[in-house]
Amino acid sequence: MLRYAIHCTQEEMLSVAAQNDFSR
């Protein structure tokens, strides 16, 4: 296994969430 990234990590997901107004 030698991963090639094409998905978000939690850190990246939270960065996306911080740029928006999500209640949950």
PDBML (XML) file of the C-alpha atoms, coordinates in Angstrom:
<?xml version="1.0" encoding="UTF-8" ?>
<PDBx:datablock datablockName="MODEL"
   xmlns:PDBx="http://pdbml.pdb.org/schema/pdbx-v50.xsd"
   xmlns:xsi="http://www.w3.org/2001/XMLSchema-instance"
   xsi:schemaLocation="http://pdbml.pdb.org/schema/pdbx-v50.xsd pdbx-v50.xsd">
   <PDBx:atom_siteCategory>
      <PDBx:atom_site id="1">
         <PDBx:B_iso_or_equiv>0.00</PDBx:B_iso_or_equiv>
         <PDBx:Cartn_x>0.000</PDBx:Cartn_x>
         <PDBx:Cartn_y>0.000</PDBx:Cartn_y>
         <PDBx:Cartn_z>0.000</PDBx:Cartn_z>
         <PDBx:auth_asym_id>A</PDBx:auth_asym_id>
         <PDBx:auth_atom_id>CA</PDBx:auth_atom_id>
         <PDBx:auth_comp_id>MET</PDBx:auth_comp_id>
         <PDBx:auth_seq_id>1</PDBx:auth_seq_id>
         <PDBx:group_PDB>ATOM</PDBx:group_PDB>
         <PDBx:label_alt_id xsi:nil="true" />
         <PDBx:label_asym_id>A</PDBx:label_asym_id>
         <PDBx:label_atom_id>CA</PDBx:label_atom_id>
         <PDBx:label_comp_id>MET</PDBx:label_comp_id>
         <PDBx:label_entity_id>1</PDBx:label_entity_id>
         <PDBx:label_seq_id>1</PDBx:label_seq_id>
         <PDBx:occupancy>1.00</PDBx:occupancy>
         <PDBx:pdbx_PDB_model_num>1</PDBx:pdbx_PDB_model_num>
         <PDBx:type_symbol>C</PDBx:type_symbol>
      </PDBx:atom_site>
      <PDBx:atom_site id="2">
         <PDBx:B_iso_or_equiv>0.00</PDBx:B_iso_or_equiv>
         <PDBx:Cartn_x>1.386</PDBx:Cartn_x>
         <PDBx:Cartn_y>3.365</PDBx:Cartn_y>
         <PDBx:Cartn_z>-1.126</PDBx:Cartn_z>
         <PDBx:auth_asym_id>A</PDBx:auth_asym_id>
         <PDBx:auth_atom_id>CA</PDBx:auth_atom_id>
         <PDBx:auth_comp_id>LEU</PDBx:auth_comp_id>
         <PDBx:auth_seq_id>2</PDBx:auth_seq_id>
         <PDBx:group_PDB>ATOM</PDBx:group_PDB>
         <PDBx:label_alt_id xsi:nil="true" />
         <PDBx:label_asym_id>A</PDBx:label_asym_id>
         <PDBx:label_atom_id>CA</PDBx:label_atom_id>
         <PDBx:label_comp_id>LEU</PDBx:label_comp_id>
         <PDBx:label_entity_id>1</PDBx:label_entity_id>
         <PDBx:label_seq_id>2</PDBx:label_seq_id>
         <PDBx:occupancy>1.00</PDBx:occupancy>
         <PDBx:pdbx_PDB_model_num>1</PDBx:pdbx_PDB_model_num>
         <PDBx:type_symbol>C</PDBx:type_symbol>
      </PDBx:atom_site>
      <PDBx:atom_site id="3">
         <PDBx:B_iso_or_equiv>0.00</PDBx:B_iso_or_equiv>
         <PDBx:Cartn_x>-1.500</PDBx:Cartn_x>
         <PDBx:Cartn_y>5.806</PDBx:Cartn_y>
         <PDBx:Cartn_z>-0.920</PDBx:Cartn_z>
         <PDBx:auth_asym_id>A</PDBx:auth_asym_id>
         <PDBx:auth_atom_id>CA</PDBx:auth_atom_id>
         <PDBx:auth_comp_id>ARG</PDBx:auth_comp_id>
         <PDBx:auth_seq_id>3</PDBx:auth_seq_id>
         <PDBx:group_PDB>ATOM</PDBx:group_PDB>
         <PDBx:label_alt_id xsi:nil="true" />
         <PDBx:label_asym_id>A</PDBx:label_asym_id>
         <PDBx:label_atom_id>CA</PDBx:label_atom_id>
         <PDBx:label_comp_id>ARG</PDBx:label_comp_id>
         <PDBx:label_entity_id>1</PDBx:label_entity_id>
         <PDBx:label_seq_id>3</PDBx:label_seq_id>
         <PDBx:occupancy>1.00</PDBx:occupancy>
         <PDBx:pdbx_PDB_model_num>1</PDBx:pdbx_PDB_model_num>
         <PDBx:type_symbol>C</PDBx:type_symbol>
      </PDBx:atom_site>
      <PDBx:atom_site id="4">
         <PDBx:B_iso_or_equiv>0.00</PDBx:B_iso_or_equiv>
         <PDBx:Cartn_x>-2.199</PDBx:Cartn_x>
         <PDBx:Cartn_y>8.563</PDBx:Cartn_y>
         <PDBx:Cartn_z>-3.438</PDBx:Cartn_z>
         <PDBx:auth_asym_id>A</PDBx:auth_asym_id>
         <PDBx:auth_atom_id>CA</PDBx:auth_atom_id>
         <PDBx:auth_comp_id>TYR</PDBx:auth_comp_id>
         <PDBx:auth_seq_id>4</PDBx:auth_seq_id>
         <PDBx:group_PDB>ATOM</PDBx:group_PDB>
         <PDBx:label_alt_id xsi:nil="true" />
         <PDBx:label_asym_id>A</PDBx:label_asym_id>
         <PDBx:label_atom_id>CA</PDBx:label_atom_id>
         <PDBx:label_comp_id>TYR</PDBx:label_comp_id>
         <PDBx:label_entity_id>1</PDBx:label_entity_id>
         <PDBx:label_seq_id>4</PDBx:label_seq_id>
         <PDBx:occupancy>1.00</PDBx:occupancy>
         <PDBx:pdbx_PDB_model_num>1</PDBx:pdbx_PDB_model_num>
         <PDBx:type_symbol>C</PDBx:type_symbol>
      </PDBx:atom_site>
      <PDBx:atom_site id="5">
         <PDBx:B_iso_or_equiv>0.00</PDBx:B_iso_or_equiv>
         <PDBx:Cartn_x>-4.467</PDBx:Cartn_x>
         <PDBx:Cartn_y>11.074</PDBx:Cartn_y>
         <PDBx:Cartn_z>-1.698</PDBx:Cartn_z>
         <PDBx:auth_asym_id>A</PDBx:auth_asym_id>
         <PDBx:auth_atom_id>CA</PDBx:auth_atom_id>
         <PDBx:auth_comp_id>ALA</PDBx:auth_comp_id>
         <PDBx:auth_seq_id>5</PDBx:auth_seq_id>
         <PDBx:group_PDB>ATOM</PDBx:group_PDB>
         <PDBx:label_alt_id xsi:nil="true" />
         <PDBx:label_asym_id>A</PDBx:label_asym_id>
         <PDBx:label_atom_id>CA</PDBx:label_atom_id>
         <PDBx:label_comp_id>ALA</PDBx:label_comp_id>
         <PDBx:label_entity_id>1</PDBx:label_entity_id>
         <PDBx:label_seq_id>5</PDBx:label_seq_id>
         <PDBx:occupancy>1.00</PDBx:occupancy>
         <PDBx:pdbx_PDB_model_num>1</PDBx:pdbx_PDB_model_num>
         <PDBx:type_symbol>C</PDBx:type_symbol>
      </PDBx:atom_site>
      <PDBx:atom_site id="6">
         <PDBx:B_iso_or_equiv>0.00</PDBx:B_iso_or_equiv>
         <PDBx:Cartn_x>-7.851</PDBx:Cartn_x>
         <PDBx:Cartn_y>11.991</PDBx:Cartn_y>
         <PDBx:Cartn_z>-3.196</PDBx:Cartn_z>
         <PDBx:auth_asym_id>A</PDBx:auth_asym_id>
         <PDBx:auth_atom_id>CA</PDBx:auth_atom_id>
         <PDBx:auth_comp_id>ILE</PDBx:auth_comp_id>
         <PDBx:auth_seq_id>6</PDBx:auth_seq_id>
         <PDBx:group_PDB>ATOM</PDBx:group_PDB>
         <PDBx:label_alt_id xsi:nil="true" />
         <PDBx:label_asym_id>A</PDBx:label_asym_id>
         <PDBx:label_atom_id>CA</PDBx:label_atom_id>
         <PDBx:label_comp_id>ILE</PDBx:label_comp_id>
         <PDBx:label_entity_id>1</PDBx:label_entity_id>
         <PDBx:label_seq_id>6</PDBx:label_seq_id>
         <PDBx:occupancy>1.00</PDBx:occupancy>
         <PDBx:pdbx_PDB_model_num>1</PDBx:pdbx_PDB_model_num>
         <PDBx:type_symbol>C</PDBx:type_symbol>
      </PDBx:atom_site>
      <PDBx:atom_site id="7">
         <PDBx:B_iso_or_equiv>0.00</PDBx:B_iso_or_equiv>
         <PDBx:Cartn_x>-9.909</PDBx:Cartn_x>
         <PDBx:Cartn_y>12.536</PDBx:Cartn_y>
         <PDBx:Cartn_z>-0.002</PDBx:Cartn_z>
         <PDBx:auth_asym_id>A</PDBx:auth_asym_id>
         <PDBx:auth_atom_id>CA</PDBx:auth_atom_id>
         <PDBx:auth_comp_id>HIS</PDBx:auth_comp_id>
         <PDBx:auth_seq_id>7</PDBx:auth_seq_id>
         <PDBx:group_PDB>ATOM</PDBx:group_PDB>
         <PDBx:label_alt_id xsi:nil="true" />
         <PDBx:label_asym_id>A</PDBx:label_asym_id>
         <PDBx:label_atom_id>CA</PDBx:label_atom_id>
         <PDBx:label_comp_id>HIS</PDBx:label_comp_id>
         <PDBx:label_entity_id>1</PDBx:label_entity_id>
         <PDBx:label_seq_id>7</PDBx:label_seq_id>
         <PDBx:occupancy>1.00</PDBx:occupancy>
         <PDBx:pdbx_PDB_model_num>1</PDBx:pdbx_PDB_model_num>
         <PDBx:type_symbol>C</PDBx:type_symbol>
      </PDBx:atom_site>
      <PDBx:atom_site id="8">
         <PDBx:B_iso_or_equiv>0.00</PDBx:B_iso_or_equiv>
         <PDBx:Cartn_x>-9.983</PDBx:Cartn_x>
         <PDBx:Cartn_y>14.952</PDBx:Cartn_y>
         <PDBx:Cartn_z>2.917</PDBx:Cartn_z>
         <PDBx:auth_asym_id>A</PDBx:auth_asym_id>
         <PDBx:auth_atom_id>CA</PDBx:auth_atom_id>
         <PDBx:auth_comp_id>CYS</PDBx:auth_comp_id>
         <PDBx:auth_seq_id>8</PDBx:auth_seq_id>
         <PDBx:group_PDB>ATOM</PDBx:group_PDB>
         <PDBx:label_alt_id xsi:nil="true" />
         <PDBx:label_asym_id>A</PDBx:label_asym_id>
         <PDBx:label_atom_id>CA</PDBx:label_atom_id>
         <PDBx:label_comp_id>CYS</PDBx:label_comp_id>
         <PDBx:label_entity_id>1</PDBx:label_entity_id>
         <PDBx:label_seq_id>8</PDBx:label_seq_id>
         <PDBx:occupancy>1.00</PDBx:occupancy>
         <PDBx:pdbx_PDB_model_num>1</PDBx:pdbx_PDB_model_num>
         <PDBx:type_symbol>C</PDBx:type_symbol>
      </PDBx:atom_site>
      <PDBx:atom_site id="9">
         <PDBx:B_iso_or_equiv>0.00</PDBx:B_iso_or_equiv>
         <PDBx:Cartn_x>-8.452</PDBx:Cartn_x>
         <PDBx:Cartn_y>14.434</PDBx:Cartn_y>
         <PDBx:Cartn_z>6.327</PDBx:Cartn_z>
         <PDBx:auth_asym_id>A</PDBx:auth_asym_id>
         <PDBx:auth_atom_id>CA</PDBx:auth_atom_id>
         <PDBx:auth_comp_id>THR</PDBx:auth_comp_id>
         <PDBx:auth_seq_id>9</PDBx:auth_seq_id>
         <PDBx:group_PDB>ATOM</PDBx:group_PDB>
         <PDBx:label_alt_id xsi:nil="true" />
         <PDBx:label_asym_id>A</PDBx:label_asym_id>
         <PDBx:label_atom_id>CA</PDBx:label_atom_id>
         <PDBx:label_comp_id>THR</PDBx:label_comp_id>
         <PDBx:label_entity_id>1</PDBx:label_entity_id>
         <PDBx:label_seq_id>9</PDBx:label_seq_id>
         <PDBx:occupancy>1.00</PDBx:occupancy>
         <PDBx:pdbx_PDB_model_num>1</PDBx:pdbx_PDB_model_num>
         <PDBx:type_symbol>C</PDBx:type_symbol>
      </PDBx:atom_site>
      <PDBx:atom_site id="10">
         <PDBx:B_iso_or_equiv>0.00</PDBx:B_iso_or_equiv>
         <PDBx:Cartn_x>-10.265</PDBx:Cartn_x>
         <PDBx:Cartn_y>15.681</PDBx:Cartn_y>
         <PDBx:Cartn_z>9.422</PDBx:Cartn_z>
         <PDBx:auth_asym_id>A</PDBx:auth_asym_id>
         <PDBx:auth_atom_id>CA</PDBx:auth_atom_id>
         <PDBx:auth_comp_id>GLN</PDBx:auth_comp_id>
         <PDBx:auth_seq_id>10</PDBx:auth_seq_id>
         <PDBx:group_PDB>ATOM</PDBx:group_PDB>
         <PDBx:label_alt_id xsi:nil="true" />
         <PDBx:label_asym_id>A</PDBx:label_asym_id>
         <PDBx:label_atom_id>CA</PDBx:label_atom_id>
         <PDBx:label_comp_id>GLN</PDBx:label_comp_id>
         <PDBx:label_entity_id>1</PDBx:label_entity_id>
         <PDBx:label_seq_id>10</PDBx:label_seq_id>
         <PDBx:occupancy>1.00</PDBx:occupancy>
         <PDBx:pdbx_PDB_model_num>1</PDBx:pdbx_PDB_model_num>
         <PDBx:type_symbol>C</PDBx:type_symbol>
      </PDBx:atom_site>
      <PDBx:atom_site id="11">
         <PDBx:B_iso_or_equiv>0.00</PDBx:B_iso_or_equiv>
         <PDBx:Cartn_x>-7.974</PDBx:Cartn_x>
         <PDBx:Cartn_y>18.699</PDBx:Cartn_y>
         <PDBx:Cartn_z>9.440</PDBx:Cartn_z>
         <PDBx:auth_asym_id>A</PDBx:auth_asym_id>
         <PDBx:auth_atom_id>CA</PDBx:auth_atom_id>
         <PDBx:auth_comp_id>GLU</PDBx:auth_comp_id>
         <PDBx:auth_seq_id>11</PDBx:auth_seq_id>
         <PDBx:group_PDB>ATOM</PDBx:group_PDB>
         <PDBx:label_alt_id xsi:nil="true" />
         <PDBx:label_asym_id>A</PDBx:label_asym_id>
         <PDBx:label_atom_id>CA</PDBx:label_atom_id>
         <PDBx:label_comp_id>GLU</PDBx:label_comp_id>
         <PDBx:label_entity_id>1</PDBx:label_entity_id>
         <PDBx:label_seq_id>11</PDBx:label_seq_id>
         <PDBx:occupancy>1.00</PDBx:occupancy>
         <PDBx:pdbx_PDB_model_num>1</PDBx:pdbx_PDB_model_num>
         <PDBx:type_symbol>C</PDBx:type_symbol>
      </PDBx:atom_site>
      <PDBx:atom_site id="12">
         <PDBx:B_iso_or_equiv>0.00</PDBx:B_iso_or_equiv>
         <PDBx:Cartn_x>-8.939</PDBx:Cartn_x>
         <PDBx:Cartn_y>19.569</PDBx:Cartn_y>
         <PDBx:Cartn_z>5.854</PDBx:Cartn_z>
         <PDBx:auth_asym_id>A</PDBx:auth_asym_id>
         <PDBx:auth_atom_id>CA</PDBx:auth_atom_id>
         <PDBx:auth_comp_id>GLU</PDBx:auth_comp_id>
         <PDBx:auth_seq_id>12</PDBx:auth_seq_id>
         <PDBx:group_PDB>ATOM</PDBx:group_PDB>
         <PDBx:label_alt_id xsi:nil="true" />
         <PDBx:label_asym_id>A</PDBx:label_asym_id>
         <PDBx:label_atom_id>CA</PDBx:label_atom_id>
         <PDBx:label_comp_id>GLU</PDBx:label_comp_id>
         <PDBx:label_entity_id>1</PDBx:label_entity_id>
         <PDBx:label_seq_id>12</PDBx:label_seq_id>
         <PDBx:occupancy>1.00</PDBx:occupancy>
         <PDBx:pdbx_PDB_model_num>1</PDBx:pdbx_PDB_model_num>
         <PDBx:type_symbol>C</PDBx:type_symbol>
      </PDBx:atom_site>
      <PDBx:atom_site id="13">
         <PDBx:B_iso_or_equiv>0.00</PDBx:B_iso_or_equiv>
         <PDBx:Cartn_x>-12.614</PDBx:Cartn_x>
         <PDBx:Cartn_y>18.868</PDBx:Cartn_y>
         <PDBx:Cartn_z>6.505</PDBx:Cartn_z>
         <PDBx:auth_asym_id>A</PDBx:auth_asym_id>
         <PDBx:auth_atom_id>CA</PDBx:auth_atom_id>
         <PDBx:auth_comp_id>MET</PDBx:auth_comp_id>
         <PDBx:auth_seq_id>13</PDBx:auth_seq_id>
         <PDBx:group_PDB>ATOM</PDBx:group_PDB>
         <PDBx:label_alt_id xsi:nil="true" />
         <PDBx:label_asym_id>A</PDBx:label_asym_id>
         <PDBx:label_atom_id>CA</PDBx:label_atom_id>
         <PDBx:label_comp_id>MET</PDBx:label_comp_id>
         <PDBx:label_entity_id>1</PDBx:label_entity_id>
         <PDBx:label_seq_id>13</PDBx:label_seq_id>
         <PDBx:occupancy>1.00</PDBx:occupancy>
         <PDBx:pdbx_PDB_model_num>1</PDBx:pdbx_PDB_model_num>
         <PDBx:type_symbol>C</PDBx:type_symbol>
      </PDBx:atom_site>
      <PDBx:atom_site id="14">
         <PDBx:B_iso_or_equiv>0.00</PDBx:B_iso_or_equiv>
         <PDBx:Cartn_x>-12.619</PDBx:Cartn_x>
         <PDBx:Cartn_y>21.263</PDBx:Cartn_y>
         <PDBx:Cartn_z>9.453</PDBx:Cartn_z>
         <PDBx:auth_asym_id>A</PDBx:auth_asym_id>
         <PDBx:auth_atom_id>CA</PDBx:auth_atom_id>
         <PDBx:auth_comp_id>LEU</PDBx:auth_comp_id>
         <PDBx:auth_seq_id>14</PDBx:auth_seq_id>
         <PDBx:group_PDB>ATOM</PDBx:group_PDB>
         <PDBx:label_alt_id xsi:nil="true" />
         <PDBx:label_asym_id>A</PDBx:label_asym_id>
         <PDBx:label_atom_id>CA</PDBx:label_atom_id>
         <PDBx:label_comp_id>LEU</PDBx:label_comp_id>
         <PDBx:label_entity_id>1</PDBx:label_entity_id>
         <PDBx:label_seq_id>14</PDBx:label_seq_id>
         <PDBx:occupancy>1.00</PDBx:occupancy>
         <PDBx:pdbx_PDB_model_num>1</PDBx:pdbx_PDB_model_num>
         <PDBx:type_symbol>C</PDBx:type_symbol>
      </PDBx:atom_site>
      <PDBx:atom_site id="15">
         <PDBx:B_iso_or_equiv>0.00</PDBx:B_iso_or_equiv>
         <PDBx:Cartn_x>-10.938</PDBx:Cartn_x>
         <PDBx:Cartn_y>23.880</PDBx:Cartn_y>
         <PDBx:Cartn_z>7.274</PDBx:Cartn_z>
         <PDBx:auth_asym_id>A</PDBx:auth_asym_id>
         <PDBx:auth_atom_id>CA</PDBx:auth_atom_id>
         <PDBx:auth_comp_id>SER</PDBx:auth_comp_id>
         <PDBx:auth_seq_id>15</PDBx:auth_seq_id>
         <PDBx:group_PDB>ATOM</PDBx:group_PDB>
         <PDBx:label_alt_id xsi:nil="true" />
         <PDBx:label_asym_id>A</PDBx:label_asym_id>
         <PDBx:label_atom_id>CA</PDBx:label_atom_id>
         <PDBx:label_comp_id>SER</PDBx:label_comp_id>
         <PDBx:label_entity_id>1</PDBx:label_entity_id>
         <PDBx:label_seq_id>15</PDBx:label_seq_id>
         <PDBx:occupancy>1.00</PDBx:occupancy>
         <PDBx:pdbx_PDB_model_num>1</PDBx:pdbx_PDB_model_num>
         <PDBx:type_symbol>C</PDBx:type_symbol>
      </PDBx:atom_site>
      <PDBx:atom_site id="16">
         <PDBx:B_iso_or_equiv>0.00</PDBx:B_iso_or_equiv>
         <PDBx:Cartn_x>-13.821</PDBx:Cartn_x>
         <PDBx:Cartn_y>23.532</PDBx:Cartn_y>
         <PDBx:Cartn_z>4.806</PDBx:Cartn_z>
         <PDBx:auth_asym_id>A</PDBx:auth_asym_id>
         <PDBx:auth_atom_id>CA</PDBx:auth_atom_id>
         <PDBx:auth_comp_id>VAL</PDBx:auth_comp_id>
         <PDBx:auth_seq_id>16</PDBx:auth_seq_id>
         <PDBx:group_PDB>ATOM</PDBx:group_PDB>
         <PDBx:label_alt_id xsi:nil="true" />
         <PDBx:label_asym_id>A</PDBx:label_asym_id>
         <PDBx:label_atom_id>CA</PDBx:label_atom_id>
         <PDBx:label_comp_id>VAL</PDBx:label_comp_id>
         <PDBx:label_entity_id>1</PDBx:label_entity_id>
         <PDBx:label_seq_id>16</PDBx:label_seq_id>
         <PDBx:occupancy>1.00</PDBx:occupancy>
         <PDBx:pdbx_PDB_model_num>1</PDBx:pdbx_PDB_model_num>
         <PDBx:type_symbol>C</PDBx:type_symbol>
      </PDBx:atom_site>
      <PDBx:atom_site id="17">
         <PDBx:B_iso_or_equiv>0.00</PDBx:B_iso_or_equiv>
         <PDBx:Cartn_x>-16.367</PDBx:Cartn_x>
         <PDBx:Cartn_y>23.748</PDBx:Cartn_y>
         <PDBx:Cartn_z>7.633</PDBx:Cartn_z>
         <PDBx:auth_asym_id>A</PDBx:auth_asym_id>
         <PDBx:auth_atom_id>CA</PDBx:auth_atom_id>
         <PDBx:auth_comp_id>ALA</PDBx:auth_comp_id>
         <PDBx:auth_seq_id>17</PDBx:auth_seq_id>
         <PDBx:group_PDB>ATOM</PDBx:group_PDB>
         <PDBx:label_alt_id xsi:nil="true" />
         <PDBx:label_asym_id>A</PDBx:label_asym_id>
         <PDBx:label_atom_id>CA</PDBx:label_atom_id>
         <PDBx:label_comp_id>ALA</PDBx:label_comp_id>
         <PDBx:label_entity_id>1</PDBx:label_entity_id>
         <PDBx:label_seq_id>17</PDBx:label_seq_id>
         <PDBx:occupancy>1.00</PDBx:occupancy>
         <PDBx:pdbx_PDB_model_num>1</PDBx:pdbx_PDB_model_num>
         <PDBx:type_symbol>C</PDBx:type_symbol>
      </PDBx:atom_site>
      <PDBx:atom_site id="18">
         <PDBx:B_iso_or_equiv>0.00</PDBx:B_iso_or_equiv>
         <PDBx:Cartn_x>-14.718</PDBx:Cartn_x>
         <PDBx:Cartn_y>26.928</PDBx:Cartn_y>
         <PDBx:Cartn_z>8.983</PDBx:Cartn_z>
         <PDBx:auth_asym_id>A</PDBx:auth_asym_id>
         <PDBx:auth_atom_id>CA</PDBx:auth_atom_id>
         <PDBx:auth_comp_id>ALA</PDBx:auth_comp_id>
         <PDBx:auth_seq_id>18</PDBx:auth_seq_id>
         <PDBx:group_PDB>ATOM</PDBx:group_PDB>
         <PDBx:label_alt_id xsi:nil="true" />
         <PDBx:label_asym_id>A</PDBx:label_asym_id>
         <PDBx:label_atom_id>CA</PDBx:label_atom_id>
         <PDBx:label_comp_id>ALA</PDBx:label_comp_id>
         <PDBx:label_entity_id>1</PDBx:label_entity_id>
         <PDBx:label_seq_id>18</PDBx:label_seq_id>
         <PDBx:occupancy>1.00</PDBx:occupancy>
         <PDBx:pdbx_PDB_model_num>1</PDBx:pdbx_PDB_model_num>
         <PDBx:type_symbol>C</PDBx:type_symbol>
      </PDBx:atom_site>
      <PDBx:atom_site id="19">
         <PDBx:B_iso_or_equiv>0.00</PDBx:B_iso_or_equiv>
         <PDBx:Cartn_x>-15.392</PDBx:Cartn_x>
         <PDBx:Cartn_y>28.688</PDBx:Cartn_y>
         <PDBx:Cartn_z>5.668</PDBx:Cartn_z>
         <PDBx:auth_asym_id>A</PDBx:auth_asym_id>
         <PDBx:auth_atom_id>CA</PDBx:auth_atom_id>
         <PDBx:auth_comp_id>GLN</PDBx:auth_comp_id>
         <PDBx:auth_seq_id>19</PDBx:auth_seq_id>
         <PDBx:group_PDB>ATOM</PDBx:group_PDB>
         <PDBx:label_alt_id xsi:nil="true" />
         <PDBx:label_asym_id>A</PDBx:label_asym_id>
         <PDBx:label_atom_id>CA</PDBx:label_atom_id>
         <PDBx:label_comp_id>GLN</PDBx:label_comp_id>
         <PDBx:label_entity_id>1</PDBx:label_entity_id>
         <PDBx:label_seq_id>19</PDBx:label_seq_id>
         <PDBx:occupancy>1.00</PDBx:occupancy>
         <PDBx:pdbx_PDB_model_num>1</PDBx:pdbx_PDB_model_num>
         <PDBx:type_symbol>C</PDBx:type_symbol>
      </PDBx:atom_site>
      <PDBx:atom_site id="20">
         <PDBx:B_iso_or_equiv>0.00</PDBx:B_iso_or_equiv>
         <PDBx:Cartn_x>-19.126</PDBx:Cartn_x>
         <PDBx:Cartn_y>28.039</PDBx:Cartn_y>
         <PDBx:Cartn_z>5.887</PDBx:Cartn_z>
         <PDBx:auth_asym_id>A</PDBx:auth_asym_id>
         <PDBx:auth_atom_id>CA</PDBx:auth_atom_id>
         <PDBx:auth_comp_id>ASN</PDBx:auth_comp_id>
         <PDBx:auth_seq_id>20</PDBx:auth_seq_id>
         <PDBx:group_PDB>ATOM</PDBx:group_PDB>
         <PDBx:label_alt_id xsi:nil="true" />
         <PDBx:label_asym_id>A</PDBx:label_asym_id>
         <PDBx:label_atom_id>CA</PDBx:label_atom_id>
         <PDBx:label_comp_id>ASN</PDBx:label_comp_id>
         <PDBx:label_entity_id>1</PDBx:label_entity_id>
         <PDBx:label_seq_id>20</PDBx:label_seq_id>
         <PDBx:occupancy>1.00</PDBx:occupancy>
         <PDBx:pdbx_PDB_model_num>1</PDBx:pdbx_PDB_model_num>
         <PDBx:type_symbol>C</PDBx:type_symbol>
      </PDBx:atom_site>
      <PDBx:atom_site id="21">
         <PDBx:B_iso_or_equiv>0.00</PDBx:B_iso_or_equiv>
         <PDBx:Cartn_x>-22.109</PDBx:Cartn_x>
         <PDBx:Cartn_y>28.302</PDBx:Cartn_y>
         <PDBx:Cartn_z>8.200</PDBx:Cartn_z>
         <PDBx:auth_asym_id>A</PDBx:auth_asym_id>
         <PDBx:auth_atom_id>CA</PDBx:auth_atom_id>
         <PDBx:auth_comp_id>ASP</PDBx:auth_comp_id>
         <PDBx:auth_seq_id>21</PDBx:auth_seq_id>
         <PDBx:group_PDB>ATOM</PDBx:group_PDB>
         <PDBx:label_alt_id xsi:nil="true" />
         <PDBx:label_asym_id>A</PDBx:label_asym_id>
         <PDBx:label_atom_id>CA</PDBx:label_atom_id>
         <PDBx:label_comp_id>ASP</PDBx:label_comp_id>
         <PDBx:label_entity_id>1</PDBx:label_entity_id>
         <PDBx:label_seq_id>21</PDBx:label_seq_id>
         <PDBx:occupancy>1.00</PDBx:occupancy>
         <PDBx:pdbx_PDB_model_num>1</PDBx:pdbx_PDB_model_num>
         <PDBx:type_symbol>C</PDBx:type_symbol>
      </PDBx:atom_site>
      <PDBx:atom_site id="22">
         <PDBx:B_iso_or_equiv>0.00</PDBx:B_iso_or_equiv>
         <PDBx:Cartn_x>-22.975</PDBx:Cartn_x>
         <PDBx:Cartn_y>24.693</PDBx:Cartn_y>
         <PDBx:Cartn_z>9.084</PDBx:Cartn_z>
         <PDBx:auth_asym_id>A</PDBx:auth_asym_id>
         <PDBx:auth_atom_id>CA</PDBx:auth_atom_id>
         <PDBx:auth_comp_id>PHE</PDBx:auth_comp_id>
         <PDBx:auth_seq_id>22</PDBx:auth_seq_id>
         <PDBx:group_PDB>ATOM</PDBx:group_PDB>
         <PDBx:label_alt_id xsi:nil="true" />
         <PDBx:label_asym_id>A</PDBx:label_asym_id>
         <PDBx:label_atom_id>CA</PDBx:label_atom_id>
         <PDBx:label_comp_id>PHE</PDBx:label_comp_id>
         <PDBx:label_entity_id>1</PDBx:label_entity_id>
         <PDBx:label_seq_id>22</PDBx:label_seq_id>
         <PDBx:occupancy>1.00</PDBx:occupancy>
         <PDBx:pdbx_PDB_model_num>1</PDBx:pdbx_PDB_model_num>
         <PDBx:type_symbol>C</PDBx:type_symbol>
      </PDBx:atom_site>
      <PDBx:atom_site id="23">
         <PDBx:B_iso_or_equiv>0.00</PDBx:B_iso_or_equiv>
         <PDBx:Cartn_x>-25.217</PDBx:Cartn_x>
         <PDBx:Cartn_y>24.098</PDBx:Cartn_y>
         <PDBx:Cartn_z>12.107</PDBx:Cartn_z>
         <PDBx:auth_asym_id>A</PDBx:auth_asym_id>
         <PDBx:auth_atom_id>CA</PDBx:auth_atom_id>
         <PDBx:auth_comp_id>SER</PDBx:auth_comp_id>
         <PDBx:auth_seq_id>23</PDBx:auth_seq_id>
         <PDBx:group_PDB>ATOM</PDBx:group_PDB>
         <PDBx:label_alt_id xsi:nil="true" />
         <PDBx:label_asym_id>A</PDBx:label_asym_id>
         <PDBx:label_atom_id>CA</PDBx:label_atom_id>
         <PDBx:label_comp_id>SER</PDBx:label_comp_id>
         <PDBx:label_entity_id>1</PDBx:label_entity_id>
         <PDBx:label_seq_id>23</PDBx:label_seq_id>
         <PDBx:occupancy>1.00</PDBx:occupancy>
         <PDBx:pdbx_PDB_model_num>1</PDBx:pdbx_PDB_model_num>
         <PDBx:type_symbol>C</PDBx:type_symbol>
      </PDBx:atom_site>
      <PDBx:atom_site id="24">
         <PDBx:B_iso_or_equiv>0.00</PDBx:B_iso_or_equiv>
         <PDBx:Cartn_x>-24.204</PDBx:Cartn_x>
         <PDBx:Cartn_y>20.433</PDBx:Cartn_y>
         <PDBx:Cartn_z>12.334</PDBx:Cartn_z>
         <PDBx:auth_asym_id>A</PDBx:auth_asym_id>
         <PDBx:auth_atom_id>CA</PDBx:auth_atom_id>
         <PDBx:auth_comp_id>ARG</PDBx:auth_comp_id>
         <PDBx:auth_seq_id>24</PDBx:auth_seq_id>
         <PDBx:group_PDB>ATOM</PDBx:group_PDB>
         <PDBx:label_alt_id xsi:nil="true" />
         <PDBx:label_asym_id>A</PDBx:label_asym_id>
         <PDBx:label_atom_id>CA</PDBx:label_atom_id>
         <PDBx:label_comp_id>ARG</PDBx:label_comp_id>
         <PDBx:label_entity_id>1</PDBx:label_entity_id>
         <PDBx:label_seq_id>24</PDBx:label_seq_id>
         <PDBx:occupancy>1.00</PDBx:occupancy>
         <PDBx:pdbx_PDB_model_num>1</PDBx:pdbx_PDB_model_num>
         <PDBx:type_symbol>C</PDBx:type_symbol>
      </PDBx:atom_site>
   </PDBx:atom_siteCategory>
</PDBx:datablock>
